[in-house]
Amino acid sequence: MAQVEKYVMLDTLDNKKLAGEISQKYPTKIELPNYTKETYYDTFDWRLFNNCLSLFVSANEYSLRSLQDDAIVGTTQWKSKEPPKFWWDFHQASFREKLKRVMDMRALIPRGGVEKETQTVCILDDLEKTVLRLRIEKIQGTNAHKKTPLINLVTLEPVKGYRKYQRDISQFLSNLGKKREAIKIFSMVLSAAGEQSGDYSSKLHIKLQSGMSAKQATVIILKRLLELMRQNEAGIKTDIDTEFLHDFRVAVRRTRSALTQIKGIFPGEIIRRFKKDFAAVGKSTNQLRDLDVYLLNKERFKAMLPEEQRPKLEPLFQFLEAERKKQHHEFVQALNGAFYNEMLTQWKTLLNSTTESGEDRAKNATKPVVGLAGKFICKQYHQVMNLGNVINDSTPDEELHKLRIECKKLRYLLEFYAALFPQKEMAFLIKQLKSLQDNLGEFNDLCVQQPELKKFMDRVIPSHNESIATAVAIGGLIANLYHRQQQVRMAFSQKFQEFSRQENAVLYQKLFR
């Protein structure tokens, strides 16, 4: 079967001239130009693009396009004046499910717009029957802040049974432009709209080199974490989605972990000061994030109850929504406040400093990073093993919480120094550790949520008329969370056994000794 072919032409391409040249070779029917506008959407961290998809709206129709073969894989109408924000806002089931698999809880944000002038040239045979369609598009970005280049896209749409015409026109177009893959064309369209695909990722992607000193590598790590914090501030303030705060918190925790674990790089007084400051920033996010987690789990919590009890949880979630609004306002004030911004300014100045003052007191600053990285990772791995090996069914829950913290520290070290060691092996170790972390993280959440829900119940019930029914529903939710907590606790031994197996121990010794 003949394939659709796309060509990117020179910026100076004249649509009418191209159509005229083709008309000299073949009988043609030239349709009137069609003018459209398209707005492209993606999440802040480009989840659609990273899964080879693009989402755009034109004339109230949203279309999802594969960037592998340029095929439209779903369309849906949208009649509301307010654009959709999350995957669950769409009504068409199959379209919604395609987005759900990729977007999770992230919001759609506009990624730029383009204006298109499209002209279709139908190439005819001697009987004036259409044997090939040529679609000529002039694409211009609508970015008001800068002049964007034209993209000229020519598409051959073959008609079955007329391969000869396609070969001839294809050869003609090859002399004028280049064939391009769909994903490259999409990147050009985004560029015309003033955007660069993939310009944000929550992943570290730290490019360290084995010849670096420990201080050079540490500064690069800390600068990347500072960048992540700054990149998420605007999304937190405008409350686009909850993942901005999540990524911000992770960057803060990683910074504190780096200051704690990567020893002997900065003088002690600097470490103590900024550990304290970043701890204060992290603490200021705790309540807001906890409320986000409850609200994100709303449907899961309701599903734990019999159907007739589920509406009785609404007063709880109304209360949580109101509390979240207050906490969000307070944290935005903190982001705009003098303490936070002065602290980060001083932190950036320190990281950008070229002076070596105090370096004589920082014993590891000039050492090669590879050796120190291995040493730090090995030490933390043994810490995790020592804690995990003594946990059994009768061990207090607090010991699992301690292990969870130590696993985070190990995870951060593996991610900081991933570029210094074989990629495949590092990805394997991180995956093994993540499985254990998922178990410990869920266990911790379940332990925290039950007493917190009891506190919420004491505050919700007095202000609600159906207090007994709501109390029963919250009580049922707490009972189900406790049951789930026991299941997760029982699964721990298997998860830790998988993590601590001999093959993993050998790999840690091989890579980091």
Protein backbone atom coordinates (compact mmCIF):
# COMPACT_ATOMS: atom_id res chain seq x y z
CA MET A 1 0.00 0.00 0.00
CA ALA A 2 1.29 3.42 -0.95
CA GLN A 3 2.37 5.59 1.97
CA VAL A 4 1.70 9.24 2.69
CA GLU A 5 4.91 11.21 2.14
CA LYS A 6 5.81 14.51 3.77
CA TYR A 7 8.41 17.02 2.67
CA VAL A 8 9.72 20.11 4.39
CA MET A 9 10.48 22.79 1.84
CA LEU A 10 12.57 25.92 1.83
CA ASP A 11 11.25 28.95 3.73
CA THR A 12 11.00 30.84 0.46
CA LEU A 13 8.62 28.34 -1.12
CA ASP A 14 5.76 30.02 -2.98
CA ASN A 15 2.62 27.88 -2.81
CA LYS A 16 1.16 29.28 -5.99
CA LYS A 17 4.42 28.85 -7.88
CA LEU A 18 4.74 25.23 -6.75
CA ALA A 19 1.17 24.51 -7.73
CA GLY A 20 1.81 26.21 -11.07
CA GLU A 21 4.90 24.11 -11.80
CA ILE A 22 2.99 20.93 -11.08
CA SER A 23 0.15 22.13 -13.31
CA GLN A 24 2.61 22.42 -16.21
CA LYS A 25 3.40 18.70 -15.88
CA TYR A 26 -0.06 17.31 -15.09
CA PRO A 27 -3.69 18.35 -15.34
CA THR A 28 -4.69 19.65 -11.92
CA LYS A 29 -7.62 20.93 -9.94
CA ILE A 30 -6.56 23.53 -7.38
CA GLU A 31 -8.91 23.99 -4.45
CA LEU A 32 -9.36 27.26 -2.61
CA PRO A 33 -6.98 27.83 0.33
CA ASN A 34 -8.18 26.87 3.79
CA TYR A 35 -7.09 28.91 6.83
CA THR A 36 -6.98 27.33 10.27
CA LYS A 37 -5.45 27.87 13.69
CA GLU A 38 -4.08 25.10 15.89
CA THR A 39 -3.07 25.22 19.54
CA TYR A 40 -0.84 22.46 20.87
CA TYR A 41 -1.08 21.10 24.41
CA ASP A 42 1.14 18.97 26.59
CA THR A 43 1.98 18.58 30.26
CA PHE A 44 4.73 20.64 31.86
CA ASP A 45 7.08 17.65 31.72
CA TRP A 46 6.12 16.76 28.12
CA ARG A 47 4.51 13.40 28.86
CA LEU A 48 2.66 13.28 25.56
CA PHE A 49 5.73 14.15 23.51
CA ASN A 50 7.85 11.65 25.44
CA ASN A 51 5.30 9.00 24.50
CA CYS A 52 5.39 10.02 20.81
CA LEU A 53 2.05 11.82 20.90
CA SER A 54 0.88 15.34 20.19
CA LEU A 55 -2.43 16.91 21.17
CA PHE A 56 -3.87 19.90 19.33
CA VAL A 57 -7.17 21.71 19.04
CA SER A 58 -8.60 23.29 15.91
CA ALA A 59 -12.15 24.59 15.50
CA ASN A 60 -13.30 23.02 18.80
CA GLU A 61 -11.99 19.59 17.89
CA TYR A 62 -9.16 18.01 19.87
CA SER A 63 -6.97 15.57 17.99
CA LEU A 64 -4.36 13.16 19.28
CA ARG A 65 -1.63 12.37 16.77
CA SER A 66 1.02 9.68 16.77
CA LEU A 67 4.49 11.09 16.18
CA GLN A 68 5.69 7.71 14.96
CA ASP A 69 3.60 7.55 11.80
CA ASP A 70 1.77 10.92 11.91
CA ALA A 71 -1.61 9.16 12.13
CA ILE A 72 -4.52 10.68 14.05
CA VAL A 73 -5.28 8.17 16.80
CA GLY A 74 -8.25 9.95 18.36
CA THR A 75 -10.52 12.99 18.05
CA THR A 76 -13.20 14.51 20.23
CA GLN A 77 -15.36 17.61 20.18
CA TRP A 78 -15.12 20.25 22.92
CA LYS A 79 -17.92 22.78 23.20
CA SER A 80 -17.10 24.55 26.46
CA LYS A 81 -15.38 27.94 26.43
CA GLU A 82 -13.00 26.72 29.14
CA PRO A 83 -10.37 24.36 27.71
CA PRO A 84 -9.97 20.90 29.28
CA LYS A 85 -7.27 20.65 31.93
CA PHE A 86 -7.01 16.99 32.94
CA TRP A 87 -7.63 13.71 31.12
CA TRP A 88 -10.84 13.17 33.08
CA ASP A 89 -12.33 16.38 31.67
CA PHE A 90 -12.82 14.74 28.26
CA HIS A 91 -16.13 12.93 27.71
CA GLN A 92 -15.22 10.58 24.88
CA ALA A 93 -14.17 7.34 26.62
CA SER A 94 -11.46 6.00 24.30
CA PHE A 95 -9.89 9.46 23.91
CA ARG A 96 -9.89 9.92 27.67
CA GLU A 97 -8.26 6.53 28.28
CA LYS A 98 -5.46 7.22 25.80
CA LEU A 99 -4.61 10.41 27.71
CA LYS A 100 -5.00 8.78 31.12
CA ARG A 101 -2.31 6.20 30.39
CA VAL A 102 0.18 8.98 29.68
CA MET A 103 -0.80 12.05 31.70
CA ASP A 104 -1.70 10.56 35.10
CA MET A 105 -2.41 13.56 37.37
CA ARG A 106 -0.63 16.20 35.29
CA ALA A 107 -2.52 19.08 33.69
CA LEU A 108 -2.53 20.13 30.07
CA ILE A 109 -0.98 23.50 29.33
CA PRO A 110 -0.88 25.32 25.97
CA ARG A 111 2.45 24.78 24.25
CA GLY A 112 2.08 27.26 21.42
CA GLY A 113 -0.12 28.01 18.47
CA VAL A 114 0.25 28.10 14.71
CA GLU A 115 -1.70 29.48 11.78
CA LYS A 116 -1.98 27.32 8.68
CA GLU A 117 -2.75 28.17 5.12
CA THR A 118 -3.55 24.90 3.38
CA GLN A 119 -4.03 24.44 -0.33
CA THR A 120 -4.91 21.11 -1.93
CA VAL A 121 -3.86 20.33 -5.49
CA CYS A 122 -5.61 17.34 -7.06
CA ILE A 123 -3.57 15.75 -9.83
CA LEU A 124 -5.75 14.34 -12.59
CA ASP A 125 -5.34 11.72 -15.30
CA ASP A 126 -6.54 12.05 -18.90
CA LEU A 127 -10.08 11.22 -17.76
CA GLU A 128 -9.91 14.01 -15.16
CA LYS A 129 -9.98 11.47 -12.37
CA THR A 130 -7.98 12.33 -9.21
CA VAL A 131 -4.91 10.11 -9.04
CA LEU A 132 -2.95 11.96 -6.35
CA ARG A 133 -3.54 14.73 -3.83
CA LEU A 134 -0.90 17.25 -2.93
CA ARG A 135 -1.50 19.23 0.25
CA ILE A 136 0.63 22.36 0.61
CA GLU A 137 0.74 23.95 4.07
CA LYS A 138 2.36 27.22 5.08
CA ILE A 139 2.74 27.13 8.87
CA GLN A 140 3.49 30.26 10.90
CA GLY A 141 3.87 30.43 14.67
CA THR A 142 1.55 32.84 16.48
CA ASN A 143 4.06 33.82 19.16
CA ALA A 144 3.47 37.53 19.66
CA HIS A 145 6.86 38.11 21.30
CA LYS A 146 9.06 37.21 18.36
CA LYS A 147 8.95 36.67 14.63
CA THR A 148 8.81 32.97 13.90
CA PRO A 149 10.04 31.27 10.73
CA LEU A 150 7.74 29.81 8.15
CA ILE A 151 7.49 26.07 7.77
CA ASN A 152 6.42 24.82 4.38
CA LEU A 153 5.08 21.29 4.54
CA VAL A 154 4.09 19.40 1.41
CA THR A 155 2.19 16.14 1.79
CA LEU A 156 1.60 13.54 -0.89
CA GLU A 157 -1.64 11.64 -0.35
CA PRO A 158 -1.70 8.71 -2.79
CA VAL A 159 -4.78 7.20 -4.35
CA LYS A 160 -4.77 3.41 -4.51
CA GLY A 161 -3.76 2.02 -7.88
CA TYR A 162 -1.82 5.05 -9.14
CA ARG A 163 1.71 4.42 -7.90
CA LYS A 164 3.34 5.83 -11.06
CA TYR A 165 2.04 9.34 -10.39
CA GLN A 166 3.28 9.21 -6.82
CA ARG A 167 6.78 8.15 -7.92
CA ASP A 168 6.99 10.99 -10.44
CA ILE A 169 5.78 13.71 -8.07
CA SER A 170 7.88 12.29 -5.26
CA GLN A 171 11.01 12.63 -7.37
CA PHE A 172 10.00 16.18 -8.30
CA LEU A 173 9.52 17.15 -4.64
CA SER A 174 12.75 15.48 -3.56
CA ASN A 175 14.62 18.00 -5.64
CA LEU A 176 12.97 20.85 -3.70
CA GLY A 177 12.92 19.64 -0.11
CA LYS A 178 13.64 16.87 2.32
CA LYS A 179 11.58 14.03 3.64
CA ARG A 180 11.06 14.35 7.36
CA GLU A 181 9.83 12.10 10.14
CA ALA A 182 6.64 13.13 11.89
CA ILE A 183 8.35 13.75 15.21
CA LYS A 184 10.89 16.08 13.56
CA ILE A 185 8.13 17.98 11.79
CA PHE A 186 6.30 18.37 15.09
CA SER A 187 9.43 19.74 16.75
CA MET A 188 9.74 22.29 13.94
CA VAL A 189 6.10 23.29 14.38
CA LEU A 190 6.65 23.75 18.12
CA SER A 191 9.75 25.79 17.41
CA ALA A 192 7.70 28.02 15.10
CA ALA A 193 5.25 28.43 18.00
CA GLY A 194 8.08 29.52 20.29
CA GLU A 195 8.44 26.25 22.22
CA GLN A 196 11.12 23.61 22.59
CA SER A 197 9.89 20.08 23.20
CA GLY A 198 11.30 18.34 26.22
CA ASP A 199 12.67 21.51 27.85
CA TYR A 200 11.70 20.24 31.31
CA SER A 201 12.11 16.89 33.04
CA SER A 202 11.96 16.07 36.73
CA LYS A 203 14.70 13.51 36.15
CA LEU A 204 18.17 14.68 37.07
CA HIS A 205 20.13 13.76 33.92
CA ILE A 206 23.34 15.03 35.52
CA LYS A 207 26.29 14.88 33.13
CA LEU A 208 29.27 14.08 35.30
CA GLN A 209 32.67 12.95 34.03
CA SER A 210 35.00 10.57 35.79
CA GLY A 211 37.87 13.08 35.67
CA MET A 212 36.02 15.67 37.71
CA SER A 213 36.90 16.56 41.26
CA ALA A 214 34.33 15.86 43.95
CA LYS A 215 33.63 19.59 44.37
CA GLN A 216 33.10 20.14 40.64
CA ALA A 217 30.64 17.24 40.52
CA THR A 218 28.83 18.32 43.69
CA VAL A 219 28.34 21.87 42.40
CA ILE A 220 26.86 20.50 39.16
CA ILE A 221 24.45 18.30 41.14
CA LEU A 222 23.36 21.13 43.41
CA LYS A 223 22.94 23.59 40.53
CA ARG A 224 20.66 21.12 38.75
CA LEU A 225 18.55 20.75 41.91
CA LEU A 226 18.32 24.53 42.28
CA GLU A 227 17.21 24.77 38.66
CA LEU A 228 14.43 22.23 39.31
CA MET A 229 13.20 24.21 42.29
CA ARG A 230 13.08 27.44 40.31
CA GLN A 231 11.40 25.80 37.31
CA ASN A 232 8.47 24.64 39.44
CA GLU A 233 7.79 27.85 41.34
CA ALA A 234 5.47 29.43 38.77
CA GLY A 235 3.36 26.28 38.45
CA ILE A 236 2.97 26.11 42.22
CA LYS A 237 1.89 29.74 42.44
CA THR A 238 -0.71 29.43 39.68
CA ASP A 239 -1.77 26.01 41.01
CA ILE A 240 -1.70 24.29 37.62
CA ASP A 241 -1.44 20.80 39.09
CA THR A 242 -0.09 19.08 42.19
CA GLU A 243 3.06 17.72 40.52
CA PHE A 244 4.77 21.12 40.56
CA LEU A 245 4.84 20.99 44.35
CA HIS A 246 5.88 17.33 44.28
CA ASP A 247 8.86 17.98 42.01
CA PHE A 248 9.78 21.04 44.06
CA ARG A 249 9.75 19.01 47.29
CA VAL A 250 11.87 16.26 45.77
CA ALA A 251 14.47 18.83 44.66
CA VAL A 252 14.56 20.26 48.19
CA ARG A 253 14.92 16.79 49.75
CA ARG A 254 17.65 15.84 47.31
CA THR A 255 19.51 19.04 48.15
CA ARG A 256 19.35 18.30 51.87
CA SER A 257 20.44 14.72 51.21
CA ALA A 258 23.40 15.87 49.12
CA LEU A 259 24.52 18.26 51.86
CA THR A 260 24.29 15.44 54.40
CA GLN A 261 25.82 12.57 52.44
CA ILE A 262 28.40 14.17 50.16
CA LYS A 263 30.80 15.01 52.94
CA GLY A 264 33.98 17.05 52.96
CA ILE A 265 33.11 19.36 50.04
CA PHE A 266 32.06 22.57 51.79
CA PRO A 267 33.08 23.98 55.18
CA GLY A 268 30.96 22.77 58.08
CA GLU A 269 29.37 26.13 58.81
CA ILE A 270 28.02 26.34 55.25
CA ILE A 271 26.60 22.82 55.46
CA ARG A 272 24.88 23.50 58.78
CA ARG A 273 23.40 26.80 57.66
CA PHE A 274 21.90 25.58 54.38
CA LYS A 275 20.73 22.22 55.75
CA LYS A 276 18.73 24.19 58.30
CA ASP A 277 17.38 26.60 55.67
CA PHE A 278 16.34 23.89 53.20
CA ALA A 279 14.76 21.91 56.06
CA ALA A 280 12.62 24.98 56.83
CA VAL A 281 11.55 25.24 53.18
CA GLY A 282 10.69 21.55 53.06
CA LYS A 283 8.69 21.73 56.28
CA SER A 284 6.63 24.62 54.91
CA THR A 285 5.37 22.31 52.12
CA ASN A 286 4.37 19.34 54.28
CA GLN A 287 0.75 20.16 55.08
CA LEU A 288 -0.03 21.27 51.53
CA ARG A 289 1.40 18.08 50.07
CA ASP A 290 -0.45 15.90 52.59
CA LEU A 291 -3.73 17.54 51.59
CA ASP A 292 -2.89 17.05 47.91
CA VAL A 293 -2.39 13.33 48.53
CA TYR A 294 -5.77 12.97 50.28
CA LEU A 295 -7.55 14.77 47.45
CA LEU A 296 -5.71 12.83 44.73
CA ASN A 297 -6.88 9.64 46.45
CA LYS A 298 -10.50 10.74 46.65
CA GLU A 299 -11.86 8.17 44.20
CA ARG A 300 -9.70 5.38 45.65
CA PHE A 301 -10.89 6.18 49.18
CA LYS A 302 -14.54 6.24 48.08
CA ALA A 303 -14.10 2.89 46.31
CA MET A 304 -13.09 1.33 49.64
CA LEU A 305 -16.62 1.85 50.97
CA PRO A 306 -20.00 0.35 50.03
CA GLU A 307 -21.65 2.42 47.33
CA GLU A 308 -24.35 3.79 49.64
CA GLN A 309 -21.73 5.16 52.05
CA ARG A 310 -19.58 6.94 49.47
CA PRO A 311 -21.60 10.20 49.32
CA LYS A 312 -21.19 10.51 53.10
CA LEU A 313 -17.48 11.24 52.57
CA GLU A 314 -18.24 14.46 50.69
CA PRO A 315 -18.13 16.66 53.84
CA LEU A 316 -14.63 15.32 54.49
CA PHE A 317 -13.39 16.24 51.01
CA GLN A 318 -15.09 19.65 51.14
CA PHE A 319 -13.21 20.28 54.37
CA LEU A 320 -9.93 19.11 52.82
CA GLU A 321 -10.47 21.36 49.79
CA ALA A 322 -10.97 24.37 52.03
CA GLU A 323 -7.90 23.50 54.10
CA ARG A 324 -5.83 23.05 50.97
CA LYS A 325 -6.84 26.47 49.69
CA LYS A 326 -5.57 28.04 52.93
CA GLN A 327 -2.32 26.07 52.88
CA HIS A 328 -1.69 26.90 49.23
CA HIS A 329 -2.14 30.61 49.94
CA GLU A 330 0.31 30.42 52.84
CA PHE A 331 2.94 28.57 50.83
CA VAL A 332 2.70 30.99 47.90
CA GLN A 333 3.33 33.79 50.39
CA ALA A 334 6.40 31.88 51.57
CA LEU A 335 7.65 31.53 47.96
CA ASN A 336 7.25 35.26 47.50
CA GLY A 337 8.80 36.05 50.88
CA ALA A 338 12.17 37.52 51.74
CA PHE A 339 13.54 34.47 53.60
CA TYR A 340 13.10 32.05 50.71
CA ASN A 341 14.33 34.33 47.95
CA GLU A 342 17.29 35.73 49.86
CA MET A 343 18.32 32.23 50.90
CA LEU A 344 18.23 30.91 47.33
CA THR A 345 20.09 33.99 46.06
CA GLN A 346 22.87 33.37 48.57
CA TRP A 347 22.84 29.66 47.72
CA LYS A 348 23.22 30.41 44.00
CA THR A 349 26.05 32.86 44.74
CA LEU A 350 27.85 30.17 46.72
CA LEU A 351 27.49 27.61 43.92
CA ASN A 352 28.69 30.11 41.32
CA SER A 353 31.62 31.26 43.42
CA THR A 354 35.05 30.65 41.91
CA THR A 355 36.91 31.36 45.13
CA GLU A 356 38.58 28.53 46.98
CA SER A 357 38.18 29.99 50.48
CA GLY A 358 37.70 27.27 53.05
CA GLU A 359 38.63 24.51 50.63
CA ASP A 360 41.67 23.58 52.72
CA ARG A 361 39.22 22.60 55.46
CA ALA A 362 37.06 20.55 53.07
CA LYS A 363 39.07 17.36 52.87
CA ASN A 364 37.26 15.73 49.92
CA ALA A 365 36.85 18.76 47.63
CA THR A 366 39.78 18.03 45.32
CA LYS A 367 39.56 14.22 45.34
CA PRO A 368 38.39 12.37 42.18
CA VAL A 369 34.61 12.06 42.21
CA VAL A 370 34.46 8.42 41.08
CA GLY A 371 36.17 7.01 44.12
CA LEU A 372 34.17 9.10 46.54
CA ALA A 373 30.89 8.30 44.79
CA GLY A 374 31.55 4.59 45.15
CA LYS A 375 32.48 5.03 48.79
CA PHE A 376 29.33 7.02 49.60
CA ILE A 377 27.05 4.56 47.78
CA CYS A 378 28.65 1.51 49.42
CA LYS A 379 28.31 3.02 52.87
CA GLN A 380 24.65 3.84 52.35
CA TYR A 381 23.90 0.43 50.83
CA HIS A 382 25.31 -1.30 53.91
CA GLN A 383 23.25 1.02 56.11
CA VAL A 384 20.09 -0.09 54.28
CA MET A 385 21.08 -3.75 54.53
CA ASN A 386 21.89 -3.54 58.24
CA LEU A 387 18.51 -1.96 59.03
CA GLY A 388 16.49 -4.21 56.74
CA ASN A 389 18.04 -7.50 57.83
CA VAL A 390 16.85 -7.16 61.43
CA ILE A 391 13.24 -6.29 60.59
CA ASN A 392 10.71 -9.07 61.18
CA ASP A 393 6.97 -9.30 61.77
CA SER A 394 7.29 -8.09 65.37
CA THR A 395 9.57 -5.11 64.64
CA PRO A 396 7.99 -1.75 65.55
CA ASP A 397 6.67 0.29 62.62
CA GLU A 398 9.17 3.03 63.40
CA GLU A 399 12.00 0.81 62.15
CA LEU A 400 10.36 0.55 58.73
CA HIS A 401 10.08 4.33 58.65
CA LYS A 402 13.81 4.61 59.41
CA LEU A 403 14.55 2.15 56.62
CA ARG A 404 12.38 4.18 54.22
CA ILE A 405 14.51 7.28 54.89
CA GLU A 406 17.76 5.36 54.39
CA CYS A 407 16.45 3.92 51.11
CA LYS A 408 15.72 7.46 49.91
CA LYS A 409 19.28 8.46 50.68
CA LEU A 410 20.61 5.51 48.70
CA ARG A 411 18.28 6.28 45.79
CA TYR A 412 19.46 9.88 45.66
CA LEU A 413 23.14 8.86 45.61
CA LEU A 414 22.52 6.39 42.79
CA GLU A 415 20.75 9.11 40.80
CA PHE A 416 23.37 11.78 41.54
CA TYR A 417 26.23 9.62 40.26
CA ALA A 418 24.44 7.53 37.61
CA ALA A 419 26.52 8.99 34.76
CA LEU A 420 29.79 7.74 36.30
CA PHE A 421 28.87 4.06 36.15
CA PRO A 422 27.49 1.63 33.51
CA GLN A 423 24.02 2.81 32.50
CA LYS A 424 22.35 -0.60 32.30
CA GLU A 425 23.56 -1.74 35.72
CA MET A 426 22.63 1.57 37.38
CA ALA A 427 19.12 1.45 35.90
CA PHE A 428 18.74 -2.10 37.23
CA LEU A 429 19.84 -1.16 40.76
CA ILE A 430 17.54 1.87 40.85
CA LYS A 431 14.62 -0.25 39.65
CA GLN A 432 15.26 -2.85 42.37
CA LEU A 433 15.46 -0.18 45.03
CA LYS A 434 12.32 1.58 43.76
CA SER A 435 10.28 -1.60 44.23
CA LEU A 436 11.29 -1.71 47.89
CA GLN A 437 10.67 2.03 48.24
CA ASP A 438 7.15 1.69 46.83
CA ASN A 439 6.31 -0.80 49.57
CA LEU A 440 7.83 1.32 52.34
CA GLY A 441 6.29 4.51 50.99
CA GLU A 442 2.78 3.08 50.86
CA PHE A 443 3.20 1.67 54.36
CA ASN A 444 4.26 5.06 55.66
CA ASP A 445 1.33 6.81 53.97
CA LEU A 446 -1.13 4.34 55.46
CA CYS A 447 0.34 4.76 58.95
CA VAL A 448 0.11 8.56 58.71
CA GLN A 449 -3.32 8.76 57.09
CA GLN A 450 -5.27 6.87 59.76
CA PRO A 451 -4.56 9.18 62.76
CA GLU A 452 -4.84 12.22 60.49
CA LEU A 453 -8.28 11.14 59.32
CA LYS A 454 -9.35 10.80 62.95
CA LYS A 455 -8.25 14.40 63.54
CA PHE A 456 -10.11 15.53 60.43
CA MET A 457 -13.21 13.68 61.63
CA ASP A 458 -13.16 15.59 64.92
CA ARG A 459 -13.12 18.87 62.97
CA VAL A 460 -15.62 17.89 60.26
CA ILE A 461 -18.37 16.23 62.29
CA PRO A 462 -19.44 19.15 64.56
CA SER A 463 -20.08 21.38 61.55
CA HIS A 464 -22.17 18.91 59.55
CA ASN A 465 -25.81 17.95 59.94
CA GLU A 466 -25.39 14.28 58.96
CA SER A 467 -22.61 13.85 61.47
CA ILE A 468 -23.34 10.21 62.38
CA ALA A 469 -23.40 8.99 58.75
CA THR A 470 -20.22 10.90 57.94
CA ALA A 471 -18.48 9.56 61.04
CA VAL A 472 -19.45 6.01 60.10
CA ALA A 473 -18.09 6.52 56.56
CA ILE A 474 -14.77 7.97 57.80
CA GLY A 475 -14.54 5.16 60.35
CA GLY A 476 -15.06 2.61 57.60
CA LEU A 477 -12.35 4.26 55.52
CA ILE A 478 -9.91 4.14 58.45
CA ALA A 479 -10.68 0.44 58.99
CA ASN A 480 -9.98 -0.31 55.32
CA LEU A 481 -6.74 1.65 55.41
CA TYR A 482 -5.66 -0.35 58.46
CA HIS A 483 -6.43 -3.60 56.63
CA ARG A 484 -4.38 -2.41 53.65
CA GLN A 485 -1.56 -1.43 56.02
CA GLN A 486 -1.37 -5.02 57.30
CA GLN A 487 -1.21 -6.36 53.75
CA VAL A 488 1.61 -4.00 52.82
CA ARG A 489 3.49 -4.87 56.00
CA MET A 490 3.23 -8.58 55.20
CA ALA A 491 4.58 -7.93 51.69
CA PHE A 492 7.68 -6.19 53.03
CA SER A 493 9.73 -9.32 53.71
CA GLN A 494 9.37 -10.50 50.11
CA LYS A 495 10.27 -7.04 48.75
CA PHE A 496 13.36 -6.82 50.95
CA GLN A 497 14.37 -10.36 50.07
CA GLU A 498 14.30 -9.42 46.38
CA PHE A 499 16.36 -6.30 47.03
CA SER A 500 18.96 -8.08 49.21
CA ARG A 501 19.53 -11.12 47.03
CA GLN A 502 23.08 -12.17 46.33
CA GLU A 503 23.16 -10.98 42.72
CA ASN A 504 22.42 -7.42 43.83
CA ALA A 505 25.06 -7.54 46.57
CA VAL A 506 27.65 -8.74 44.05
CA LEU A 507 26.72 -5.93 41.64
CA TYR A 508 27.05 -3.27 44.35
CA GLN A 509 30.47 -4.64 45.25
CA LYS A 510 31.56 -4.82 41.62
CA LEU A 511 30.51 -1.26 40.74
CA PHE A 512 31.34 0.67 43.88
CA ARG A 513 34.17 -1.06 45.73
